[in-house]
Protein backbone atom coordinates (compact mmCIF):
# COMPACT_ATOMS: atom_id res chain seq x y z
CA MET A 1 56.27 -39.86 -195.03
CA SER A 2 54.49 -40.93 -191.74
CA LYS A 3 51.38 -43.19 -192.49
CA TYR A 4 48.32 -43.52 -190.26
CA ASP A 5 45.04 -45.28 -190.31
CA ILE A 6 43.36 -42.06 -189.13
CA ILE A 7 44.53 -38.43 -188.95
CA VAL A 8 42.22 -35.92 -187.15
CA LEU A 9 42.68 -32.18 -188.10
CA GLY A 10 41.87 -30.11 -184.90
CA SER A 11 41.96 -31.21 -181.16
CA GLY A 12 38.67 -29.55 -179.73
CA PRO A 13 35.94 -31.77 -178.06
CA GLY A 14 35.22 -33.12 -181.61
CA GLY A 15 38.74 -33.91 -182.60
CA TYR A 16 40.35 -35.24 -179.52
CA VAL A 17 37.24 -37.47 -178.64
CA THR A 18 37.37 -38.71 -182.20
CA ALA A 19 41.12 -39.54 -181.87
CA ILE A 20 40.47 -41.51 -178.61
CA ARG A 21 37.70 -43.49 -180.01
CA ALA A 22 39.78 -44.18 -183.02
CA SER A 23 42.57 -45.47 -180.97
CA GLN A 24 40.20 -47.54 -178.70
CA LEU A 25 39.04 -49.29 -181.96
CA GLY A 26 42.70 -50.14 -182.94
CA PHE A 27 43.37 -47.54 -185.54
CA LYS A 28 46.96 -46.09 -185.59
CA THR A 29 46.01 -42.25 -185.03
CA ALA A 30 47.52 -38.92 -185.16
CA ILE A 31 45.93 -35.46 -184.34
CA VAL A 32 47.12 -32.17 -185.64
CA GLU A 33 46.74 -29.05 -183.62
CA LYS A 34 48.02 -25.63 -184.32
CA GLU A 35 47.54 -24.07 -180.86
CA SER A 36 46.52 -25.96 -177.56
CA LEU A 37 45.11 -29.40 -177.15
CA GLY A 38 41.45 -29.26 -176.26
CA GLY A 39 40.73 -26.38 -178.98
CA VAL A 40 38.49 -23.54 -177.99
CA CYS A 41 36.05 -25.39 -175.89
CA LEU A 42 38.78 -26.38 -173.12
CA ASN A 43 40.87 -23.32 -173.59
CA TRP A 44 38.74 -20.51 -174.62
CA GLY A 45 35.16 -21.63 -174.43
CA CYS A 46 33.10 -24.00 -172.31
CA ILE A 47 35.44 -24.79 -169.51
CA PRO A 48 37.14 -21.57 -168.75
CA THR A 49 33.85 -19.50 -168.92
CA LYS A 50 32.17 -21.96 -166.57
CA ALA A 51 34.89 -21.08 -163.97
CA LEU A 52 34.30 -17.41 -164.38
CA LEU A 53 30.73 -18.05 -163.88
CA LYS A 54 31.29 -19.99 -160.78
CA SER A 55 33.39 -17.10 -159.42
CA ALA A 56 30.52 -14.78 -160.18
CA GLN A 57 28.03 -17.10 -158.46
CA VAL A 58 30.18 -17.35 -155.31
CA PHE A 59 30.44 -13.50 -155.25
CA GLU A 60 26.63 -13.30 -155.43
CA TYR A 61 26.27 -15.60 -152.68
CA LEU A 62 28.60 -13.48 -150.38
CA LYS A 63 26.80 -10.36 -151.44
CA HIS A 64 23.42 -11.99 -150.33
CA ALA A 65 24.82 -13.88 -147.34
CA GLU A 66 22.23 -12.03 -145.12
CA ASP A 67 19.40 -13.94 -147.04
CA TYR A 68 20.78 -17.01 -145.46
CA GLY A 69 21.22 -15.77 -141.91
CA LEU A 70 24.90 -15.14 -142.38
CA ASN A 71 27.23 -12.08 -141.86
CA VAL A 72 29.81 -11.39 -144.36
CA SER A 73 31.26 -7.85 -144.21
CA ASP A 74 32.89 -6.03 -147.10
CA ALA A 75 32.91 -8.87 -149.69
CA SER A 76 34.97 -7.74 -152.71
CA HIS A 77 36.37 -9.33 -155.52
CA ASP A 78 39.95 -9.36 -157.33
CA PHE A 79 39.08 -9.31 -161.13
CA ASP A 80 42.67 -10.45 -161.96
CA ALA A 81 42.49 -13.33 -159.53
CA VAL A 82 39.11 -14.36 -161.11
CA VAL A 83 40.54 -14.37 -164.52
CA LYS A 84 43.81 -16.25 -163.45
CA ARG A 85 41.60 -19.01 -161.76
CA SER A 86 39.86 -19.46 -165.00
CA ARG A 87 43.11 -19.80 -167.03
CA GLY A 88 44.40 -22.30 -164.42
CA VAL A 89 41.24 -24.54 -164.82
CA ALA A 90 41.64 -24.32 -168.65
CA ASP A 91 45.35 -25.27 -168.37
CA GLY A 92 44.49 -28.07 -166.03
CA MET A 93 42.05 -29.40 -168.36
CA SER A 94 44.45 -28.96 -171.63
CA LYS A 95 47.04 -31.07 -169.62
CA GLY A 96 44.29 -33.76 -169.11
CA VAL A 97 43.91 -33.97 -172.84
CA GLN A 98 47.71 -34.33 -173.24
CA PHE A 99 47.68 -37.15 -170.76
CA LEU A 100 44.94 -38.75 -172.57
CA MET A 101 46.82 -38.59 -175.96
CA LYS A 102 49.74 -40.33 -174.28
CA LYS A 103 47.65 -42.92 -172.60
CA ASN A 104 45.85 -43.89 -175.93
CA LYS A 105 49.17 -43.82 -178.06
CA ILE A 106 48.01 -40.93 -180.25
CA ASP A 107 50.69 -39.04 -182.06
CA VAL A 108 50.29 -35.25 -181.67
CA ILE A 109 51.38 -33.19 -184.50
CA GLU A 110 51.84 -29.60 -183.69
CA GLY A 111 51.27 -27.01 -186.43
CA PHE A 112 48.90 -25.87 -188.96
CA GLY A 113 47.49 -28.61 -191.02
CA LYS A 114 46.38 -28.44 -194.74
CA LEU A 115 44.61 -31.04 -196.64
CA LYS A 116 46.17 -32.41 -199.82
CA THR A 117 44.85 -34.80 -202.57
CA GLY A 118 45.62 -38.46 -202.10
CA LYS A 119 44.56 -38.60 -198.53
CA LYS A 120 47.49 -36.47 -197.23
CA VAL A 121 47.97 -33.62 -194.70
CA ASP A 122 50.79 -31.06 -194.82
CA VAL A 123 51.79 -29.61 -191.54
CA ASP A 124 54.14 -26.71 -191.83
CA GLY A 125 55.84 -28.34 -194.85
CA LYS A 126 55.90 -32.07 -193.66
CA GLU A 127 53.49 -34.50 -195.32
CA TYR A 128 51.58 -37.18 -193.50
CA SER A 129 49.18 -39.63 -195.05
CA ALA A 130 46.23 -41.62 -193.78
CA ASP A 131 43.45 -43.82 -194.89
CA HIS A 132 40.85 -41.58 -193.48
CA ILE A 133 41.23 -37.88 -192.64
CA ILE A 134 38.70 -36.31 -190.18
CA ILE A 135 38.34 -32.45 -190.27
CA ALA A 136 37.42 -31.09 -186.93
CA THR A 137 38.77 -27.61 -187.18
CA GLY A 138 35.98 -25.86 -185.28
CA ALA A 139 34.94 -22.17 -185.40
CA ARG A 140 35.57 -18.71 -184.04
CA SER A 141 33.76 -15.49 -183.00
CA ARG A 142 31.94 -14.07 -186.09
CA GLU A 143 32.52 -10.50 -187.14
CA LEU A 144 29.71 -8.20 -188.28
CA PRO A 145 30.74 -5.56 -190.99
CA SER A 146 29.06 -2.88 -188.76
CA LEU A 147 30.91 -4.37 -185.70
CA PRO A 148 34.68 -4.91 -186.62
CA GLN A 149 36.70 -6.15 -183.70
CA ASP A 150 39.90 -4.42 -182.79
CA GLY A 151 40.59 -6.61 -179.86
CA LYS A 152 40.63 -3.60 -177.42
CA LYS A 153 37.36 -1.63 -177.56
CA VAL A 154 35.32 -4.04 -179.72
CA ILE A 155 36.20 -7.60 -178.55
CA GLY A 156 34.99 -11.27 -179.20
CA TYR A 157 34.52 -13.78 -176.43
CA ARG A 158 38.07 -14.92 -176.35
CA LYS A 159 39.19 -11.37 -175.30
CA ALA A 160 36.35 -11.08 -172.80
CA MET A 161 37.83 -13.90 -170.81
CA THR A 162 41.15 -12.22 -170.37
CA LEU A 163 40.57 -8.50 -169.87
CA GLU A 164 43.50 -6.74 -168.06
CA GLU A 165 40.93 -4.40 -166.53
CA GLN A 166 37.29 -4.83 -165.63
CA PRO A 167 35.13 -2.39 -167.69
CA LYS A 168 32.77 0.05 -165.87
CA LYS A 169 30.29 -0.18 -168.74
CA LEU A 170 29.93 -2.95 -171.24
CA ILE A 171 27.71 -3.50 -174.28
CA VAL A 172 26.92 -7.14 -175.21
CA VAL A 173 25.73 -7.38 -178.91
CA GLY A 174 23.73 -10.61 -179.12
CA SER A 175 21.90 -12.61 -176.52
CA GLY A 176 22.62 -16.27 -177.46
CA ALA A 177 24.52 -18.27 -174.91
CA ILE A 178 27.84 -16.53 -175.13
CA GLY A 179 26.24 -13.11 -174.89
CA VAL A 180 24.02 -13.87 -171.86
CA GLU A 181 26.74 -15.76 -170.05
CA PHE A 182 29.24 -12.87 -170.22
CA ALA A 183 26.47 -10.43 -169.31
CA TYR A 184 25.76 -12.17 -166.29
CA PHE A 185 29.33 -12.61 -165.36
CA TYR A 186 30.32 -8.85 -165.69
CA ASN A 187 26.96 -7.75 -164.19
CA SER A 188 27.73 -9.90 -161.07
CA MET A 189 31.21 -8.34 -160.92
CA GLY A 190 29.73 -4.88 -160.78
CA THR A 191 30.00 -3.86 -164.42
CA ASP A 192 27.00 -1.76 -165.94
CA VAL A 193 25.86 -4.25 -168.63
CA THR A 194 23.43 -3.60 -171.56
CA ILE A 195 22.20 -6.35 -174.04
CA VAL A 196 21.45 -5.37 -177.51
CA GLU A 197 19.46 -8.01 -179.45
CA TYR A 198 18.29 -8.02 -183.06
CA LEU A 199 15.33 -10.23 -182.49
CA PRO A 200 12.09 -9.67 -180.38
CA ASN A 201 13.27 -12.06 -177.39
CA VAL A 202 16.58 -12.60 -175.79
CA VAL A 203 18.02 -16.33 -176.14
CA PRO A 204 15.96 -16.31 -179.24
CA VAL A 205 16.28 -20.08 -179.83
CA GLU A 206 14.48 -20.90 -176.44
CA ASP A 207 10.84 -21.34 -175.67
CA GLU A 208 9.23 -17.98 -175.47
CA ASP A 209 8.30 -18.54 -171.74
CA VAL A 210 12.07 -19.19 -170.92
CA SER A 211 12.94 -15.93 -172.82
CA LYS A 212 10.62 -13.81 -170.88
CA GLN A 213 11.65 -15.55 -167.52
CA LEU A 214 15.31 -14.61 -168.23
CA GLU A 215 14.64 -11.03 -169.26
CA ARG A 216 12.72 -10.57 -165.92
CA SER A 217 15.57 -12.14 -163.94
CA PHE A 218 18.32 -10.03 -165.82
CA LYS A 219 16.23 -6.81 -165.37
CA LYS A 220 15.93 -7.57 -161.71
CA SER A 221 19.83 -8.02 -161.58
CA GLY A 222 20.14 -4.54 -163.13
CA ILE A 223 21.10 -5.67 -166.60
CA LYS A 224 19.55 -3.37 -169.17
CA ILE A 225 18.10 -5.23 -172.30
CA MET A 226 17.24 -3.76 -175.67
CA THR A 227 15.42 -6.20 -178.00
CA SER A 228 14.37 -5.74 -181.59
CA SER A 229 17.43 -3.49 -181.79
CA GLU A 230 20.59 -3.42 -183.86
CA VAL A 231 24.02 -1.89 -183.57
CA THR A 232 24.62 -0.12 -186.78
CA HIS A 233 27.85 1.74 -186.06
CA VAL A 234 30.61 2.04 -183.52
CA ASP A 235 32.83 4.87 -182.87
CA THR A 236 36.19 3.99 -181.11
CA SER A 237 37.88 7.23 -181.68
CA GLY A 238 37.36 8.57 -178.27
CA LYS A 239 38.21 7.26 -174.86
CA GLY A 240 35.48 4.56 -174.82
CA VAL A 241 32.95 3.30 -177.51
CA LYS A 242 29.90 5.14 -178.89
CA ALA A 243 27.59 2.66 -180.37
CA THR A 244 24.79 3.68 -182.52
CA VAL A 245 21.79 1.38 -181.90
CA LYS A 246 18.68 1.35 -184.25
CA THR A 247 15.49 0.56 -182.39
CA LYS A 248 11.67 0.48 -183.12
CA LYS A 249 11.64 4.17 -181.53
CA GLY A 250 14.52 5.50 -183.50
CA GLU A 251 18.27 5.77 -183.00
CA GLU A 252 19.95 5.83 -179.75
CA ILE A 253 23.64 6.50 -178.80
CA LEU A 254 25.02 4.06 -176.10
CA GLU A 255 28.45 4.83 -174.54
CA ALA A 256 30.57 2.16 -172.91
CA ASP A 257 34.18 1.18 -172.15
CA ILE A 258 33.91 -1.99 -174.29
CA VAL A 259 31.43 -3.59 -176.72
CA LEU A 260 31.33 -7.52 -176.70
CA SER A 261 30.39 -8.90 -180.07
CA ALA A 262 28.45 -12.07 -179.26
CA VAL A 263 26.69 -12.60 -182.66
CA GLY A 264 27.55 -16.21 -183.43
CA ILE A 265 30.36 -18.15 -184.91
CA LYS A 266 32.32 -18.50 -188.08
CA SER A 267 33.68 -21.87 -189.31
CA ASN A 268 37.38 -22.39 -189.57
CA ILE A 269 37.43 -23.63 -193.14
CA GLU A 270 39.71 -21.13 -194.77
CA ASN A 271 43.27 -22.16 -196.10
CA ILE A 272 42.86 -25.78 -194.99
CA GLY A 273 42.95 -27.13 -198.61
CA LEU A 274 39.20 -27.90 -199.14
CA GLU A 275 39.37 -26.27 -202.49
CA ASP A 276 42.48 -28.13 -203.48
CA VAL A 277 40.93 -31.52 -202.51
CA GLY A 278 37.56 -30.53 -203.97
CA ILE A 279 35.62 -30.87 -200.91
CA ALA A 280 32.03 -29.52 -201.21
CA VAL A 281 31.02 -26.50 -198.93
CA ASP A 282 27.84 -24.63 -198.78
CA ARG A 283 27.30 -21.50 -196.71
CA ASP A 284 30.29 -21.78 -194.64
CA LYS A 285 29.63 -25.48 -193.90
CA ILE A 286 31.22 -28.69 -195.07
CA LEU A 287 28.58 -30.77 -196.69
CA VAL A 288 28.59 -34.43 -195.13
CA ASN A 289 26.28 -37.44 -195.18
CA ASP A 290 24.71 -39.18 -192.05
CA TYR A 291 27.94 -40.61 -191.16
CA TYR A 292 30.16 -37.47 -191.85
CA GLN A 293 31.67 -38.45 -195.07
CA THR A 294 32.46 -35.62 -197.40
CA ASN A 295 31.77 -35.85 -201.39
CA ILE A 296 35.57 -37.11 -201.57
CA PRO A 297 36.23 -40.62 -200.33
CA GLY A 298 38.53 -40.82 -197.44
CA TYR A 299 37.71 -37.33 -196.02
CA TYR A 300 35.22 -36.63 -193.26
CA ALA A 301 34.16 -33.73 -191.26
CA ILE A 302 32.50 -33.21 -187.87
CA GLY A 303 31.57 -30.54 -185.34
CA ASP A 304 31.20 -26.72 -185.99
CA VAL A 305 32.46 -27.06 -189.72
CA THR A 306 29.34 -29.08 -190.52
CA PRO A 307 25.64 -28.05 -190.76
CA GLY A 308 24.56 -29.59 -187.14
CA GLN A 309 24.28 -27.58 -183.95
CA ALA A 310 27.64 -25.89 -183.06
CA LEU A 311 27.89 -27.65 -179.64
CA ALA A 312 30.76 -29.45 -177.90
CA HIS A 313 28.59 -32.53 -177.09
CA VAL A 314 27.38 -32.68 -180.69
CA ALA A 315 31.07 -32.79 -182.10
CA SER A 316 31.96 -35.41 -179.75
CA ALA A 317 29.00 -37.48 -180.69
CA GLU A 318 29.48 -37.09 -184.32
CA GLY A 319 33.24 -37.93 -184.17
CA ILE A 320 32.46 -41.24 -182.28
CA LEU A 321 29.87 -42.17 -184.66
CA CYS A 322 32.20 -41.44 -187.65
CA VAL A 323 35.00 -43.61 -186.43
CA GLU A 324 32.66 -46.52 -185.35
CA LYS A 325 31.17 -46.37 -188.99
CA ILE A 326 34.85 -46.32 -190.43
CA ALA A 327 35.52 -49.49 -188.26
CA GLY A 328 32.37 -51.21 -189.73
CA GLN A 329 30.34 -51.20 -186.48
CA HIS A 330 26.54 -50.94 -186.72
CA VAL A 331 25.75 -47.27 -186.10
CA GLU A 332 22.49 -45.10 -186.31
CA ALA A 333 22.50 -41.59 -187.56
CA LEU A 334 22.48 -38.88 -184.79
CA ASP A 335 18.96 -37.53 -183.79
CA TYR A 336 19.48 -33.70 -184.06
CA GLY A 337 16.05 -33.31 -182.53
CA ASN A 338 17.19 -34.86 -179.35
CA VAL A 339 20.22 -32.78 -178.57
CA PRO A 340 20.05 -30.65 -175.28
CA GLY A 341 21.17 -26.84 -175.19
CA CYS A 342 22.53 -25.38 -172.01
CA THR A 343 23.33 -21.89 -171.13
CA TYR A 344 25.13 -21.31 -167.78
CA CYS A 345 24.09 -17.90 -166.82
CA SER A 346 22.07 -17.42 -163.53
CA PRO A 347 19.29 -18.61 -163.63
CA GLU A 348 20.63 -21.51 -166.06
CA ILE A 349 18.72 -22.55 -169.18
CA ALA A 350 18.47 -26.10 -170.38
CA SER A 351 16.06 -27.19 -173.09
CA VAL A 352 15.52 -30.25 -175.68
CA GLY A 353 13.10 -30.84 -178.41
CA LEU A 354 10.31 -28.65 -179.70
CA THR A 355 9.16 -25.41 -178.20
CA GLU A 356 5.60 -24.81 -177.68
CA LYS A 357 5.29 -22.67 -180.71
CA GLN A 358 7.13 -25.15 -182.91
CA ALA A 359 4.68 -27.86 -181.75
CA LYS A 360 1.79 -25.71 -182.65
CA ASP A 361 3.29 -24.61 -185.98
CA GLN A 362 3.52 -28.25 -186.86
CA GLY A 363 -0.24 -28.73 -186.10
CA ILE A 364 0.36 -31.09 -183.36
CA GLU A 365 -2.41 -31.27 -180.62
CA ILE A 366 -0.39 -30.86 -177.38
CA LYS A 367 -0.49 -31.12 -173.59
CA VAL A 368 1.64 -28.42 -171.83
CA GLY A 369 2.59 -28.55 -168.22
CA LYS A 370 4.56 -26.01 -166.10
CA PHE A 371 5.87 -26.17 -162.54
CA PRO A 372 7.47 -23.12 -161.13
CA PHE A 373 10.30 -23.36 -158.68
CA SER A 374 8.63 -20.81 -156.49
CA ALA A 375 6.45 -23.91 -155.52
CA SER A 376 9.57 -26.23 -154.95
CA GLY A 377 10.58 -26.97 -151.58
CA LYS A 378 14.44 -27.64 -152.41
CA ALA A 379 14.34 -24.26 -154.54
CA SER A 380 12.83 -22.21 -151.54
CA ALA A 381 15.40 -23.75 -149.08
CA SER A 382 18.23 -23.03 -151.54
CA GLY A 383 16.97 -19.34 -152.12
CA ALA A 384 16.74 -19.97 -155.83
CA LYS A 385 13.07 -19.76 -156.59
CA ASP A 386 13.37 -18.05 -160.04
CA GLY A 387 12.37 -20.12 -163.00
CA PHE A 388 10.30 -23.22 -164.06
CA VAL A 389 10.27 -26.52 -165.76
CA LYS A 390 7.99 -26.65 -168.74
CA VAL A 391 7.02 -29.78 -170.75
CA ILE A 392 5.18 -30.49 -173.89
CA PHE A 393 3.50 -33.78 -174.92
CA ASP A 394 1.51 -35.15 -177.85
CA ALA A 395 -1.87 -35.21 -176.56
CA LYS A 396 -2.85 -38.26 -178.69
CA TYR A 397 0.12 -40.62 -177.96
CA GLY A 398 1.73 -39.17 -175.13
CA GLU A 399 5.01 -38.72 -176.74
CA TRP A 400 7.58 -36.19 -174.92
CA LEU A 401 7.94 -33.62 -177.52
CA GLY A 402 9.87 -30.95 -175.50
CA CYS A 403 11.32 -29.99 -172.11
CA HIS A 404 12.46 -26.51 -171.36
CA MET A 405 13.95 -25.24 -167.99
CA ILE A 406 15.15 -22.11 -166.47
CA GLY A 407 16.46 -22.12 -162.85
CA ALA A 408 19.25 -23.03 -160.72
CA GLY A 409 21.15 -26.21 -161.70
CA VAL A 410 18.81 -27.17 -164.61
CA THR A 411 21.71 -27.85 -166.85
CA ASP A 412 22.21 -31.01 -164.84
CA MET A 413 18.56 -31.91 -165.00
CA ILE A 414 17.84 -31.92 -168.72
CA ALA A 415 19.60 -35.34 -169.22
CA GLU A 416 16.41 -36.77 -167.79
CA ALA A 417 14.23 -35.48 -170.72
CA VAL A 418 16.99 -36.42 -173.20
CA LEU A 419 17.17 -39.99 -172.02
CA GLY A 420 13.32 -40.24 -171.58
CA ARG A 421 12.82 -39.11 -175.21
CA LYS A 422 15.48 -41.31 -176.49
CA LEU A 423 13.62 -44.42 -174.82
CA GLU A 424 10.28 -43.04 -176.23
CA THR A 425 8.89 -42.51 -172.64
CA THR A 426 5.34 -41.41 -172.22
CA GLY A 427 4.17 -38.64 -169.85
CA HIS A 428 2.38 -41.30 -167.92
CA GLU A 429 5.63 -43.21 -167.32
CA VAL A 430 7.47 -40.01 -166.18
CA LEU A 431 4.53 -39.28 -163.84
CA LYS A 432 4.73 -42.73 -162.38
CA ALA A 433 8.56 -42.68 -162.03
CA ILE A 434 9.20 -41.70 -158.33
CA HIS A 435 11.33 -38.74 -158.18
CA PRO A 436 13.22 -37.95 -154.76
CA HIS A 437 12.00 -35.13 -152.46
CA PRO A 438 13.23 -32.49 -151.96
CA THR A 439 15.03 -31.91 -155.01
CA MET A 440 14.84 -29.55 -157.98
CA SER A 441 14.50 -32.49 -160.27
CA GLU A 442 11.04 -33.28 -158.87
CA ALA A 443 9.82 -30.30 -160.64
CA VAL A 444 10.02 -32.48 -163.88
CA MET A 445 7.39 -34.87 -162.55
CA GLU A 446 5.48 -32.12 -161.15
CA ALA A 447 5.32 -30.28 -164.46
CA VAL A 448 4.29 -33.49 -166.37
CA ALA A 449 1.49 -33.84 -163.65
CA ASP A 450 0.40 -30.39 -164.50
CA ALA A 451 0.11 -31.36 -168.20
CA TYR A 452 -2.14 -34.26 -167.30
CA GLY A 453 -4.19 -32.44 -164.72
CA GLU A 454 -2.70 -34.19 -161.63
CA VAL A 455 -0.35 -31.65 -160.03
CA ILE A 456 -0.37 -31.89 -156.35
CA HIS A 457 1.80 -28.74 -155.33
CA LEU A 458 0.18 -25.98 -157.35
């Protein structure tokens, strides 16, 4: 039996990052993967979807070249080539992880891993043991009883990335990050897209102002949006799909070629031996403490299988913290209130901290500032004036409670707010930190100035 210090089950952005950090700390490490190194994120999630979205963005530029004083005639797209490019980007990233495993002397065990008692893992009949076993098996597309996926007419995000043929009409059920990203991509490619959202606002976890702005931008692009609506039944017996949608006004039948179910994720915790070992689970999540230890000594869990936010960067941070704790380093528990969320549709969305409503519900006296990109010189020059930066501060102490952005490139700007909040920066300090001009990022400073009644360009 092969013996290791640490075995990691799953090689997504939680698992492979954990394995690398473990190796850096001197642990003899192995990683178990049943499919492709990099997990969903690199192969079927974060990375290939961004490649698709970049193709959509470039196509949008070509279609609007005249706005920039350029002439491009007969701009068209090759759907197969767009998908092929996305797969190529994913394959390249997966090969990159293979290289990192070799570089860090991590053993890659291919196959389906199942936990055993006594700190062992069975991989397709062969046993391995370790002092510490870290579960990082991730998640998959969640299925609703009213919306069973057949992989052809009712699909999940994975199939949406590799369709053989571009649908003429698409219904997207759910308007979280996955839903709105695919809605933007297919709409840009020329598909007739309808979003059906159960809650009153699209991207419902975001600040209400952001949700309203995205709805305006999407409707301007020709995407139909149905909020406070629910798909109660799908009929796939005909050539396409007929979806029965329950709305406030009554039932409506929508017809499309394909329905994309984007209603969240389901943790991959079945058949991996949790019950055999006695690891505690609650509502589809493995229970862990602040350092990702389960109730059974020697077994840990990180990423989408635990109760924290299901985000790649969260899984990576959890894994690093977990192995540093195992190594005896001094570590502090993650602050889940300072985790940035990013959505890569166009306009992009990025946020961290409390929304305005959450701050008010907590009874905090606040100062709110907002700066629209329509007043930004860089945004005007770029032809990307949709959106704004919104900031929320505690009125008494100046604490930066939240930051919410929607616009071009904002996913690259949100780190300023994350770092500022980590360092307990006050509104006054942000205001007095010189931001470069002309940039999109100076909108952060301008929004803070607005909160404190000192805004210059509004």
